[in-house]
Amino acid sequence: MPRRGQAKRRPVKPDHKYNSQLVTRFINKIMLNGKKSVATRIVYDALDIVGERMHKEPLEVLEQAVRNATPMVEVKP
């Protein structure tokens, strides 16, 4: 627990290729031991393969996959 107070939450910058914060967050989750360039290469190569095989925009496929993976939470009063 820091003595100076809460740390400020820094905004996530969008990635360079797709200009998407979702891709940046996905790269940061894939990253191991601080090797961001390796994680970036893995994610971009995977998105390129998805784009070729599905004949769709890779960013749309990633967004749909994230929507499918998130739980459907119903808030009851």
PDB file of N, CA and C in Angstrom:
ATOM      1  N   MET A   1       0.844  -1.173   0.000  1.00  0.00           N
ATOM      2  CA  MET A   1       0.000   0.000   0.000  1.00  0.00           C
ATOM      3  C   MET A   1       0.890   1.237   0.000  1.00  0.00           C
ATOM      4  N   PRO A   2       0.736   2.130  -0.988  1.00  0.00           N
ATOM      5  CA  PRO A   2       1.612   3.291  -1.075  1.00  0.00           C
ATOM      6  C   PRO A   2       1.294   4.316   0.009  1.00  0.00           C
ATOM      7  N   ARG A   3       2.336   4.972   0.483  1.00  0.00           N
ATOM      8  CA  ARG A   3       2.149   5.978   1.532  1.00  0.00           C
ATOM      9  C   ARG A   3       1.716   7.321   0.966  1.00  0.00           C
ATOM     10  N   ARG A   4       1.962   7.549  -0.282  1.00  0.00           N
ATOM     11  CA  ARG A   4       1.649   8.842  -0.874  1.00  0.00           C
ATOM     12  C   ARG A   4       0.232   8.953  -1.386  1.00  0.00           C
ATOM     13  N   GLY A   5      -0.515   7.896  -1.408  1.00  0.00           N
ATOM     14  CA  GLY A   5      -1.878   7.953  -1.903  1.00  0.00           C
ATOM     15  C   GLY A   5      -2.048   7.030  -3.098  1.00  0.00           C
ATOM     16  N   GLN A   6      -3.186   7.124  -3.715  1.00  0.00           N
ATOM     17  CA  GLN A   6      -3.497   6.262  -4.841  1.00  0.00           C
ATOM     18  C   GLN A   6      -2.680   6.650  -6.069  1.00  0.00           C
ATOM     19  N   ALA A   7      -2.282   5.666  -6.822  1.00  0.00           N
ATOM     20  CA  ALA A   7      -1.618   5.920  -8.092  1.00  0.00           C
ATOM     21  C   ALA A   7      -2.661   6.312  -9.124  1.00  0.00           C
ATOM     22  N   LYS A   8      -2.313   7.259 -10.003  1.00  0.00           N
ATOM     23  CA  LYS A   8      -3.247   7.697 -11.023  1.00  0.00           C
ATOM     24  C   LYS A   8      -3.343   6.632 -12.110  1.00  0.00           C
ATOM     25  N   ARG A   9      -4.548   6.431 -12.594  1.00  0.00           N
ATOM     26  CA  ARG A   9      -4.788   5.455 -13.647  1.00  0.00           C
ATOM     27  C   ARG A   9      -4.400   6.072 -14.983  1.00  0.00           C
ATOM     28  N   ARG A  10      -3.461   5.435 -15.668  1.00  0.00           N
ATOM     29  CA  ARG A  10      -3.007   5.965 -16.951  1.00  0.00           C
ATOM     30  C   ARG A  10      -3.854   5.399 -18.082  1.00  0.00           C
ATOM     31  N   PRO A  11      -4.228   6.255 -19.033  1.00  0.00           N
ATOM     32  CA  PRO A  11      -5.045   5.756 -20.152  1.00  0.00           C
ATOM     33  C   PRO A  11      -4.211   4.863 -21.070  1.00  0.00           C
ATOM     34  N   VAL A  12      -4.881   3.887 -21.682  1.00  0.00           N
ATOM     35  CA  VAL A  12      -4.219   2.973 -22.604  1.00  0.00           C
ATOM     36  C   VAL A  12      -4.171   3.638 -23.972  1.00  0.00           C
ATOM     37  N   LYS A  13      -2.967   3.710 -24.541  1.00  0.00           N
ATOM     38  CA  LYS A  13      -2.814   4.312 -25.864  1.00  0.00           C
ATOM     39  C   LYS A  13      -3.187   3.284 -26.929  1.00  0.00           C
ATOM     40  N   PRO A  14      -3.837   3.716 -28.001  1.00  0.00           N
ATOM     41  CA  PRO A  14      -4.185   2.769 -29.068  1.00  0.00           C
ATOM     42  C   PRO A  14      -2.935   2.280 -29.795  1.00  0.00           C
ATOM     43  N   ASP A  15      -3.024   1.090 -30.373  1.00  0.00           N
ATOM     44  CA  ASP A  15      -1.873   0.535 -31.077  1.00  0.00           C
ATOM     45  C   ASP A  15      -1.673   1.251 -32.410  1.00  0.00           C
ATOM     46  N   HIS A  16      -0.530   0.982 -33.039  1.00  0.00           N
ATOM     47  CA  HIS A  16      -0.165   1.713 -34.248  1.00  0.00           C
ATOM     48  C   HIS A  16      -0.826   1.176 -35.514  1.00  0.00           C
ATOM     49  N   LYS A  17      -1.071  -0.112 -35.555  1.00  0.00           N
ATOM     50  CA  LYS A  17      -1.578  -0.711 -36.789  1.00  0.00           C
ATOM     51  C   LYS A  17      -3.093  -0.559 -36.931  1.00  0.00           C
ATOM     52  N   TYR A  18      -3.836  -0.889 -35.882  1.00  0.00           N
ATOM     53  CA  TYR A  18      -5.300  -0.865 -35.951  1.00  0.00           C
ATOM     54  C   TYR A  18      -5.911   0.343 -35.250  1.00  0.00           C
ATOM     55  N   ASN A  19      -5.103   1.112 -34.521  1.00  0.00           N
ATOM     56  CA  ASN A  19      -5.559   2.289 -33.782  1.00  0.00           C
ATOM     57  C   ASN A  19      -6.705   1.926 -32.835  1.00  0.00           C
ATOM     58  N   SER A  20      -6.502   0.824 -32.088  1.00  0.00           N
ATOM     59  CA  SER A  20      -7.534   0.316 -31.195  1.00  0.00           C
ATOM     60  C   SER A  20      -6.959   0.086 -29.795  1.00  0.00           C
ATOM     61  N   GLN A  21      -7.700   0.538 -28.793  1.00  0.00           N
ATOM     62  CA  GLN A  21      -7.277   0.294 -27.414  1.00  0.00           C
ATOM     63  C   GLN A  21      -7.464  -1.167 -27.035  1.00  0.00           C
ATOM     64  N   LEU A  22      -8.437  -1.832 -27.645  1.00  0.00           N
ATOM     65  CA  LEU A  22      -8.677  -3.247 -27.367  1.00  0.00           C
ATOM     66  C   LEU A  22      -7.472  -4.088 -27.763  1.00  0.00           C
ATOM     67  N   VAL A  23      -6.879  -3.802 -28.909  1.00  0.00           N
ATOM     68  CA  VAL A  23      -5.703  -4.546 -29.357  1.00  0.00           C
ATOM     69  C   VAL A  23      -4.538  -4.297 -28.421  1.00  0.00           C
ATOM     70  N   THR A  24      -4.366  -3.058 -27.958  1.00  0.00           N
ATOM     71  CA  THR A  24      -3.293  -2.743 -27.022  1.00  0.00           C
ATOM     72  C   THR A  24      -3.481  -3.496 -25.711  1.00  0.00           C
ATOM     73  N   ARG A  25      -4.700  -3.534 -25.205  1.00  0.00           N
ATOM     74  CA  ARG A  25      -4.961  -4.261 -23.965  1.00  0.00           C
ATOM     75  C   ARG A  25      -4.721  -5.751 -24.147  1.00  0.00           C
ATOM     76  N   PHE A  26      -5.071  -6.291 -25.319  1.00  0.00           N
ATOM     77  CA  PHE A  26      -4.853  -7.699 -25.615  1.00  0.00           C
ATOM     78  C   PHE A  26      -3.355  -8.010 -25.693  1.00  0.00           C
ATOM     79  N   ILE A  27      -2.587  -7.118 -26.307  1.00  0.00           N
ATOM     80  CA  ILE A  27      -1.129  -7.294 -26.374  1.00  0.00           C
ATOM     81  C   ILE A  27      -0.537  -7.285 -24.976  1.00  0.00           C
ATOM     82  N   ASN A  28      -1.004  -6.381 -24.130  1.00  0.00           N
ATOM     83  CA  ASN A  28      -0.482  -6.312 -22.765  1.00  0.00           C
ATOM     84  C   ASN A  28      -0.823  -7.561 -21.961  1.00  0.00           C
ATOM     85  N   LYS A  29      -1.950  -8.190 -22.225  1.00  0.00           N
ATOM     86  CA  LYS A  29      -2.312  -9.425 -21.534  1.00  0.00           C
ATOM     87  C   LYS A  29      -1.478 -10.605 -22.021  1.00  0.00           C
ATOM     88  N   ILE A  30      -1.126 -10.604 -23.317  1.00  0.00           N
ATOM     89  CA  ILE A  30      -0.326 -11.681 -23.891  1.00  0.00           C
ATOM     90  C   ILE A  30       1.129 -11.588 -23.435  1.00  0.00           C
ATOM     91  N   MET A  31       1.597 -10.379 -23.165  1.00  0.00           N
ATOM     92  CA  MET A  31       3.005 -10.122 -22.875  1.00  0.00           C
ATOM     93  C   MET A  31       3.496 -10.885 -21.644  1.00  0.00           C
ATOM     94  N   LEU A  32       4.649 -11.535 -21.774  1.00  0.00           N
ATOM     95  CA  LEU A  32       5.309 -12.232 -20.684  1.00  0.00           C
ATOM     96  C   LEU A  32       6.692 -11.638 -20.451  1.00  0.00           C
ATOM     97  N   ASN A  33       7.061 -11.443 -19.210  1.00  0.00           N
ATOM     98  CA  ASN A  33       8.398 -10.965 -18.824  1.00  0.00           C
ATOM     99  C   ASN A  33       8.779  -9.654 -19.512  1.00  0.00           C
ATOM    100  N   GLY A  34       7.823  -8.802 -19.810  1.00  0.00           N
ATOM    101  CA  GLY A  34       8.112  -7.494 -20.381  1.00  0.00           C
ATOM    102  C   GLY A  34       8.482  -7.511 -21.843  1.00  0.00           C
ATOM    103  N   LYS A  35       8.270  -8.603 -22.549  1.00  0.00           N
ATOM    104  CA  LYS A  35       8.658  -8.702 -23.959  1.00  0.00           C
ATOM    105  C   LYS A  35       7.488  -8.274 -24.845  1.00  0.00           C
ATOM    106  N   LYS A  36       7.307  -6.963 -24.953  1.00  0.00           N
ATOM    107  CA  LYS A  36       6.169  -6.430 -25.673  1.00  0.00           C
ATOM    108  C   LYS A  36       6.304  -6.619 -27.181  1.00  0.00           C
ATOM    109  N   SER A  37       7.520  -6.562 -27.712  1.00  0.00           N
ATOM    110  CA  SER A  37       7.689  -6.724 -29.158  1.00  0.00           C
ATOM    111  C   SER A  37       7.315  -8.135 -29.602  1.00  0.00           C
ATOM    112  N   VAL A  38       7.607  -9.125 -28.780  1.00  0.00           N
ATOM    113  CA  VAL A  38       7.238 -10.501 -29.101  1.00  0.00           C
ATOM    114  C   VAL A  38       5.721 -10.652 -29.047  1.00  0.00           C
ATOM    115  N   ALA A  39       5.098 -10.086 -28.022  1.00  0.00           N
ATOM    116  CA  ALA A  39       3.645 -10.169 -27.887  1.00  0.00           C
ATOM    117  C   ALA A  39       2.952  -9.435 -29.029  1.00  0.00           C
ATOM    118  N   THR A  40       3.500  -8.297 -29.442  1.00  0.00           N
ATOM    119  CA  THR A  40       2.927  -7.542 -30.552  1.00  0.00           C
ATOM    120  C   THR A  40       2.990  -8.346 -31.840  1.00  0.00           C
ATOM    121  N   ARG A  41       4.131  -8.974 -32.081  1.00  0.00           N
ATOM    122  CA  ARG A  41       4.286  -9.782 -33.296  1.00  0.00           C
ATOM    123  C   ARG A  41       3.309 -10.953 -33.297  1.00  0.00           C
ATOM    124  N   ILE A  42       3.124 -11.596 -32.144  1.00  0.00           N
ATOM    125  CA  ILE A  42       2.205 -12.734 -32.045  1.00  0.00           C
ATOM    126  C   ILE A  42       0.772 -12.293 -32.352  1.00  0.00           C
ATOM    127  N   VAL A  43       0.345 -11.196 -31.753  1.00  0.00           N
ATOM    128  CA  VAL A  43      -1.035 -10.725 -31.934  1.00  0.00           C
ATOM    129  C   VAL A  43      -1.274 -10.270 -33.370  1.00  0.00           C
ATOM    130  N   TYR A  44      -0.350  -9.493 -33.937  1.00  0.00           N
ATOM    131  CA  TYR A  44      -0.529  -9.010 -35.306  1.00  0.00           C
ATOM    132  C   TYR A  44      -0.520 -10.156 -36.306  1.00  0.00           C
ATOM    133  N   ASP A  45       0.370 -11.141 -36.122  1.00  0.00           N
ATOM    134  CA  ASP A  45       0.384 -12.295 -37.022  1.00  0.00           C
ATOM    135  C   ASP A  45      -0.921 -13.081 -36.917  1.00  0.00           C
ATOM    136  N   ALA A  46      -1.419 -13.243 -35.694  1.00  0.00           N
ATOM    137  CA  ALA A  46      -2.678 -13.969 -35.504  1.00  0.00           C
ATOM    138  C   ALA A  46      -3.840 -13.220 -36.157  1.00  0.00           C
ATOM    139  N   LEU A  47      -3.867 -11.905 -36.032  1.00  0.00           N
ATOM    140  CA  LEU A  47      -4.938 -11.125 -36.650  1.00  0.00           C
ATOM    141  C   LEU A  47      -4.840 -11.167 -38.175  1.00  0.00           C
ATOM    142  N   ASP A  48      -3.620 -11.190 -38.714  1.00  0.00           N
ATOM    143  CA  ASP A  48      -3.456 -11.316 -40.163  1.00  0.00           C
ATOM    144  C   ASP A  48      -3.981 -12.658 -40.659  1.00  0.00           C
ATOM    145  N   ILE A  49      -3.697 -13.726 -39.924  1.00  0.00           N
ATOM    146  CA  ILE A  49      -4.177 -15.061 -40.300  1.00  0.00           C
ATOM    147  C   ILE A  49      -5.701 -15.114 -40.236  1.00  0.00           C
ATOM    148  N   VAL A  50      -6.276 -14.519 -39.200  1.00  0.00           N
ATOM    149  CA  VAL A  50      -7.736 -14.488 -39.066  1.00  0.00           C
ATOM    150  C   VAL A  50      -8.357 -13.727 -40.230  1.00  0.00           C
ATOM    151  N   GLY A  51      -7.738 -12.621 -40.619  1.00  0.00           N
ATOM    152  CA  GLY A  51      -8.258 -11.839 -41.738  1.00  0.00           C
ATOM    153  C   GLY A  51      -8.224 -12.605 -43.046  1.00  0.00           C
ATOM    154  N   GLU A  52      -7.155 -13.388 -43.254  1.00  0.00           N
ATOM    155  CA  GLU A  52      -7.047 -14.170 -44.486  1.00  0.00           C
ATOM    156  C   GLU A  52      -8.052 -15.321 -44.524  1.00  0.00           C
ATOM    157  N   ARG A  53      -8.196 -16.025 -43.412  1.00  0.00           N
ATOM    158  CA  ARG A  53      -9.038 -17.219 -43.390  1.00  0.00           C
ATOM    159  C   ARG A  53     -10.526 -16.906 -43.358  1.00  0.00           C
ATOM    160  N   MET A  54     -10.908 -15.862 -42.646  1.00  0.00           N
ATOM    161  CA  MET A  54     -12.331 -15.574 -42.492  1.00  0.00           C
ATOM    162  C   MET A  54     -12.839 -14.548 -43.494  1.00  0.00           C
ATOM    163  N   HIS A  55     -11.946 -13.900 -44.222  1.00  0.00           N
ATOM    164  CA  HIS A  55     -12.304 -12.884 -45.204  1.00  0.00           C
ATOM    165  C   HIS A  55     -13.142 -11.774 -44.585  1.00  0.00           C
ATOM    166  N   LYS A  56     -12.778 -11.417 -43.355  1.00  0.00           N
ATOM    167  CA  LYS A  56     -13.430 -10.316 -42.645  1.00  0.00           C
ATOM    168  C   LYS A  56     -12.346  -9.408 -42.083  1.00  0.00           C
ATOM    169  N   GLU A  57     -12.781  -8.275 -41.578  1.00  0.00           N
ATOM    170  CA  GLU A  57     -11.862  -7.352 -40.925  1.00  0.00           C
ATOM    171  C   GLU A  57     -11.389  -7.984 -39.605  1.00  0.00           C
ATOM    172  N   PRO A  58     -10.072  -8.099 -39.387  1.00  0.00           N
ATOM    173  CA  PRO A  58      -9.568  -8.764 -38.180  1.00  0.00           C
ATOM    174  C   PRO A  58     -10.013  -8.085 -36.879  1.00  0.00           C
ATOM    175  N   LEU A  59     -10.139  -6.773 -36.903  1.00  0.00           N
ATOM    176  CA  LEU A  59     -10.545  -6.057 -35.695  1.00  0.00           C
ATOM    177  C   LEU A  59     -11.991  -6.393 -35.325  1.00  0.00           C
ATOM    178  N   GLU A  60     -12.855  -6.543 -36.311  1.00  0.00           N
ATOM    179  CA  GLU A  60     -14.247  -6.919 -36.044  1.00  0.00           C
ATOM    180  C   GLU A  60     -14.325  -8.327 -35.454  1.00  0.00           C
ATOM    181  N   VAL A  61     -13.487  -9.227 -35.956  1.00  0.00           N
ATOM    182  CA  VAL A  61     -13.468 -10.599 -35.444  1.00  0.00           C
ATOM    183  C   VAL A  61     -13.003 -10.610 -33.991  1.00  0.00           C
ATOM    184  N   LEU A  62     -11.969  -9.807 -33.683  1.00  0.00           N
ATOM    185  CA  LEU A  62     -11.475  -9.734 -32.299  1.00  0.00           C
ATOM    186  C   LEU A  62     -12.537  -9.159 -31.370  1.00  0.00           C
ATOM    187  N   GLU A  63     -13.215  -8.105 -31.802  1.00  0.00           N
ATOM    188  CA  GLU A  63     -14.263  -7.504 -30.968  1.00  0.00           C
ATOM    189  C   GLU A  63     -15.402  -8.487 -30.721  1.00  0.00           C
ATOM    190  N   GLN A  64     -15.783  -9.241 -31.746  1.00  0.00           N
ATOM    191  CA  GLN A  64     -16.844 -10.243 -31.586  1.00  0.00           C
ATOM    192  C   GLN A  64     -16.404 -11.346 -30.634  1.00  0.00           C
ATOM    193  N   ALA A  65     -15.144 -11.757 -30.715  1.00  0.00           N
ATOM    194  CA  ALA A  65     -14.628 -12.797 -29.828  1.00  0.00           C
ATOM    195  C   ALA A  65     -14.632 -12.323 -28.376  1.00  0.00           C
ATOM    196  N   VAL A  66     -14.278 -11.073 -28.159  1.00  0.00           N
ATOM    197  CA  VAL A  66     -14.285 -10.527 -26.789  1.00  0.00           C
ATOM    198  C   VAL A  66     -15.715 -10.432 -26.272  1.00  0.00           C
ATOM    199  N   ARG A  67     -16.658 -10.014 -27.146  1.00  0.00           N
ATOM    200  CA  ARG A  67     -18.059  -9.956 -26.728  1.00  0.00           C
ATOM    201  C   ARG A  67     -18.596 -11.338 -26.381  1.00  0.00           C
ATOM    202  N   ASN A  68     -18.182 -12.353 -27.137  1.00  0.00           N
ATOM    203  CA  ASN A  68     -18.637 -13.718 -26.859  1.00  0.00           C
ATOM    204  C   ASN A  68     -18.043 -14.259 -25.557  1.00  0.00           C
ATOM    205  N   ALA A  69     -16.843 -13.805 -25.209  1.00  0.00           N
ATOM    206  CA  ALA A  69     -16.169 -14.317 -24.023  1.00  0.00           C
ATOM    207  C   ALA A  69     -16.610 -13.615 -22.740  1.00  0.00           C
ATOM    208  N   THR A  70     -17.162 -12.404 -22.848  1.00  0.00           N
ATOM    209  CA  THR A  70     -17.568 -11.698 -21.645  1.00  0.00           C
ATOM    210  C   THR A  70     -18.865 -12.278 -21.111  1.00  0.00           C
ATOM    211  N   PRO A  71     -18.990 -12.356 -19.809  1.00  0.00           N
ATOM    212  CA  PRO A  71     -20.218 -12.906 -19.222  1.00  0.00           C
ATOM    213  C   PRO A  71     -21.376 -11.935 -19.379  1.00  0.00           C
ATOM    214  N   MET A  72     -22.552 -12.489 -19.535  1.00  0.00           N
ATOM    215  CA  MET A  72     -23.751 -11.663 -19.600  1.00  0.00           C
ATOM    216  C   MET A  72     -24.251 -11.494 -18.177  1.00  0.00           C
ATOM    217  N   VAL A  73     -24.027 -10.301 -17.658  1.00  0.00           N
ATOM    218  CA  VAL A  73     -24.396 -10.020 -16.273  1.00  0.00           C
ATOM    219  C   VAL A  73     -25.721  -9.265 -16.260  1.00  0.00           C
ATOM    220  N   GLU A  74     -26.645  -9.770 -15.480  1.00  0.00           N
ATOM    221  CA  GLU A  74     -27.929  -9.124 -15.340  1.00  0.00           C
ATOM    222  C   GLU A  74     -28.024  -8.571 -13.923  1.00  0.00           C
ATOM    223  N   VAL A  75     -28.159  -7.274 -13.814  1.00  0.00           N
ATOM    224  CA  VAL A  75     -28.215  -6.624 -12.513  1.00  0.00           C
ATOM    225  C   VAL A  75     -29.664  -6.563 -12.070  1.00  0.00           C
ATOM    226  N   LYS A  76     -29.922  -7.150 -10.908  1.00  0.00           N
ATOM    227  CA  LYS A  76     -31.280  -7.139 -10.365  1.00  0.00           C
ATOM    228  C   LYS A  76     -31.320  -6.188  -9.152  1.00  0.00           C
ATOM    229  N   PRO A  77     -32.319  -5.336  -9.106  1.00  0.00           N
ATOM    230  CA  PRO A  77     -32.399  -4.408  -7.967  1.00  0.00           C
ATOM    231  C   PRO A  77     -32.850  -5.104  -6.687  1.00  0.00           C
TER     232      PRO A  77
END
